């Protein structure tokens, strides 16, 4: 289960306004999560998606309403970079997104969006089939999250060769470092 430092300040009117803005009703399990946690900073938690077998990722944050990782601003930032039937609901350590599908087909399914693969598509052309499956429901996603007891690597000589940071994510990091 998720280990989260919840955001404060959930507001029911913001939830209603968000649903109207995106044109979809949110799944009840996700609404309950927002009411209880309103997103937040995720600690020591890993999840997985399926791409040529199971792939693990470190979950670092969940979006909320009126918070640092605000659902409305995240929706605006990524609306042409993820399928138009999805909203970004979380982020991993590399700036990739956890998305919630809201279309009638596969309603409530949770997917992983790899920002490096988004470069393969013209703006607004990515579909749900281009994302990686995580879970059939938001609660199933929450229940699949495992605790990650991060330990220092014992491998010697390990060096990072290349790092890519999503430009929008970098802007957020730079803006937050000023606070």
Protein backbone atom coordinates (compact mmCIF):
# COMPACT_ATOMS: atom_id res chain seq x y z
CA UNK A 1 0.00 0.00 0.00
CA UNK A 2 1.08 3.56 -0.64
CA UNK A 3 3.26 5.36 1.93
CA UNK A 4 2.17 8.98 1.43
CA UNK A 5 2.50 12.33 3.15
CA UNK A 6 -0.93 13.70 2.26
CA UNK A 7 -1.64 17.19 0.98
CA UNK A 8 -4.01 19.33 2.99
CA UNK A 9 -6.86 21.46 1.77
CA UNK A 10 -9.12 19.17 -0.23
CA UNK A 11 -12.08 21.17 -1.54
CA UNK A 12 -15.21 19.51 -2.96
CA UNK A 13 -15.90 22.52 -5.20
CA UNK A 14 -12.45 22.18 -6.79
CA UNK A 15 -13.24 18.53 -7.49
CA UNK A 16 -16.51 19.48 -9.22
CA UNK A 17 -14.77 22.22 -11.23
CA UNK A 18 -12.00 19.80 -12.28
CA UNK A 19 -14.52 17.19 -13.48
CA UNK A 20 -16.34 19.85 -15.50
CA UNK A 21 -13.08 21.10 -17.00
CA UNK A 22 -11.96 17.67 -18.20
CA UNK A 23 -15.46 16.57 -19.24
CA UNK A 24 -15.35 13.25 -17.37
CA UNK A 25 -16.57 11.87 -14.07
CA UNK A 26 -13.78 10.51 -11.90
CA UNK A 27 -13.97 6.93 -10.57
CA UNK A 28 -15.29 6.66 -7.00
CA UNK A 29 -12.13 4.97 -5.70
CA UNK A 30 -10.00 7.85 -6.99
CA UNK A 31 -12.40 10.45 -5.54
CA UNK A 32 -12.14 8.76 -2.13
CA UNK A 33 -8.34 8.86 -2.39
CA UNK A 34 -8.49 12.60 -3.13
CA UNK A 35 -10.86 13.21 -0.21
CA UNK A 36 -8.60 11.28 2.16
CA UNK A 37 -5.13 12.30 0.90
CA UNK A 38 -5.58 14.97 -1.80
CA UNK A 39 -2.43 13.61 -3.43
CA UNK A 40 0.91 14.10 -1.77
CA UNK A 41 4.55 13.13 -1.55
CA UNK A 42 5.09 9.37 -1.80
CA UNK A 43 7.87 7.80 0.27
CA UNK A 44 9.74 4.54 -0.36
CA UNK A 45 7.12 3.11 -2.71
CA UNK A 46 7.52 1.15 -5.92
CA UNK A 47 5.01 -0.05 -8.44
CA UNK A 48 5.23 -1.80 -11.78
CA UNK A 49 3.89 -1.68 -15.30
CA UNK A 50 4.07 -4.17 -18.11
CA UNK A 51 6.39 -3.62 -21.09
CA UNK A 52 8.08 -6.77 -22.34
CA UNK A 53 7.44 -8.19 -18.87
CA UNK A 54 7.15 -6.45 -15.54
CA UNK A 55 9.04 -3.16 -15.12
CA UNK A 56 9.43 -1.47 -11.73
CA UNK A 57 9.34 2.27 -11.06
CA UNK A 58 9.73 4.46 -7.98
CA UNK A 59 6.53 6.37 -7.28
CA UNK A 60 7.34 9.83 -5.88
CA UNK A 61 4.16 11.90 -5.93
CA UNK A 62 0.42 11.84 -6.45
CA UNK A 63 -1.50 14.82 -7.80
CA UNK A 64 -4.13 16.61 -5.73
CA UNK A 65 -6.39 19.63 -5.98
CA UNK A 66 -4.97 23.03 -5.02
CA UNK A 67 -1.61 21.43 -4.18
CA UNK A 68 1.96 21.69 -5.52
CA UNK A 69 1.21 18.87 -7.99
CA UNK A 70 -2.23 20.30 -8.82
CA UNK A 71 -4.45 18.13 -11.03
CA UNK A 72 -5.64 21.11 -13.06
CA UNK A 73 -2.14 22.38 -13.88
CA UNK A 74 -0.90 18.85 -14.59
CA UNK A 75 -3.88 18.26 -16.90
CA UNK A 76 -3.11 21.51 -18.77
CA UNK A 77 0.60 20.70 -19.04
CA UNK A 78 0.12 17.16 -20.37
CA UNK A 79 -3.22 17.28 -22.21
CA UNK A 80 -1.61 17.01 -25.67
CA UNK A 81 1.18 14.70 -24.52
CA UNK A 82 -0.93 11.85 -23.13
CA UNK A 83 -4.16 10.38 -24.55
CA UNK A 84 -7.05 12.86 -24.38
CA UNK A 85 -9.04 10.32 -22.34
CA UNK A 86 -6.44 10.33 -19.54
CA UNK A 87 -5.42 12.56 -16.68
CA UNK A 88 -2.01 12.51 -14.99
CA UNK A 89 -2.44 11.42 -11.38
CA UNK A 90 1.12 10.69 -10.28
CA UNK A 91 4.79 10.83 -11.13
CA UNK A 92 7.80 8.57 -10.82
CA UNK A 93 11.37 9.46 -9.92
CA UNK A 94 12.26 10.05 -13.58
CA UNK A 95 9.37 12.42 -14.31
CA UNK A 96 7.24 9.78 -16.04
CA UNK A 97 3.50 9.86 -15.40
CA UNK A 98 0.93 7.58 -13.86
CA UNK A 99 -2.30 8.19 -15.78
CA UNK A 100 -5.95 7.41 -15.12
CA UNK A 101 -8.07 6.53 -18.16
CA UNK A 102 -11.57 8.04 -18.14
CA UNK A 103 -13.01 6.86 -21.47
CA UNK A 104 -15.86 4.36 -21.50
CA UNK A 105 -13.51 1.69 -22.84
CA UNK A 106 -11.19 0.69 -19.96
CA UNK A 107 -12.70 3.29 -17.61
CA UNK A 108 -10.66 3.66 -14.44
CA UNK A 109 -7.66 1.72 -15.74
CA UNK A 110 -4.27 3.03 -14.58
CA UNK A 111 -1.37 3.34 -17.02
CA UNK A 112 2.30 4.34 -17.09
CA UNK A 113 3.37 7.02 -19.59
CA UNK A 114 7.08 6.96 -20.44
CA UNK A 115 8.06 10.54 -21.35
CA UNK A 116 10.89 9.33 -23.57
CA UNK A 117 8.44 7.43 -25.77
CA UNK A 118 6.16 10.45 -26.12
CA UNK A 119 8.75 11.87 -28.53
CA UNK A 120 7.73 9.22 -31.07
CA UNK A 121 4.31 10.83 -31.52
CA UNK A 122 3.03 14.09 -32.95
CA UNK A 123 1.40 16.33 -30.35
CA UNK A 124 -2.07 15.04 -29.48
CA UNK A 125 -1.64 11.76 -31.40
CA UNK A 126 -0.73 9.39 -28.56
CA UNK A 127 -3.44 6.83 -27.70
CA UNK A 128 -4.23 4.64 -24.73
CA UNK A 129 -2.63 1.72 -26.58
CA UNK A 130 0.70 3.60 -26.49
CA UNK A 131 0.78 3.58 -22.67
CA UNK A 132 1.75 0.67 -20.39
CA UNK A 133 -0.82 -1.13 -18.27
CA UNK A 134 -0.55 -0.94 -14.47
CA UNK A 135 -3.98 -1.88 -13.05
CA UNK A 136 -7.70 -2.17 -13.90
CA UNK A 137 -8.78 0.14 -11.05
CA UNK A 138 -7.24 2.86 -8.94
CA UNK A 139 -7.65 0.75 -5.79
CA UNK A 140 -5.92 -2.16 -7.52
CA UNK A 141 -3.07 0.23 -8.34
CA UNK A 142 -2.86 1.37 -4.70
CA UNK A 143 -2.87 -2.22 -3.46
CA UNK A 144 -0.08 -3.17 -5.88
CA UNK A 145 2.32 -0.57 -4.49
CA UNK A 146 5.14 -2.11 -2.48
CA UNK A 147 7.45 -0.63 0.10
CA UNK A 148 10.94 0.00 -1.26
CA UNK A 149 13.66 -0.13 1.33
CA UNK A 150 16.25 1.82 -0.63
CA UNK A 151 19.77 0.64 0.04
CA UNK A 152 23.05 2.01 -1.16
CA UNK A 153 24.43 0.20 -4.18
CA UNK A 154 27.37 -2.05 -3.39
CA UNK A 155 28.47 -2.04 -7.01
CA UNK A 156 31.77 -0.26 -7.50
CA UNK A 157 32.58 1.62 -10.66
CA UNK A 158 28.95 2.34 -11.52
CA UNK A 159 28.61 5.63 -13.37
CA UNK A 160 25.60 7.35 -14.90
CA UNK A 161 26.21 7.69 -18.64
CA UNK A 162 23.22 9.72 -19.73
CA UNK A 163 20.26 11.49 -18.12
CA UNK A 164 17.25 13.07 -19.83
CA UNK A 165 14.86 15.30 -17.91
CA UNK A 166 11.47 16.30 -19.28
CA UNK A 167 11.64 20.08 -19.95
CA UNK A 168 8.30 20.76 -18.21
CA UNK A 169 9.38 18.72 -15.20
CA UNK A 170 12.68 20.64 -15.10
CA UNK A 171 10.75 23.94 -15.05
CA UNK A 172 8.72 22.66 -12.09
CA UNK A 173 11.90 21.66 -10.25
CA UNK A 174 13.48 25.05 -10.92
CA UNK A 175 10.33 26.89 -9.78
CA UNK A 176 10.11 24.81 -6.60
CA UNK A 177 13.80 25.38 -5.77
CA UNK A 178 13.04 29.11 -5.48
CA UNK A 179 10.58 28.50 -2.62
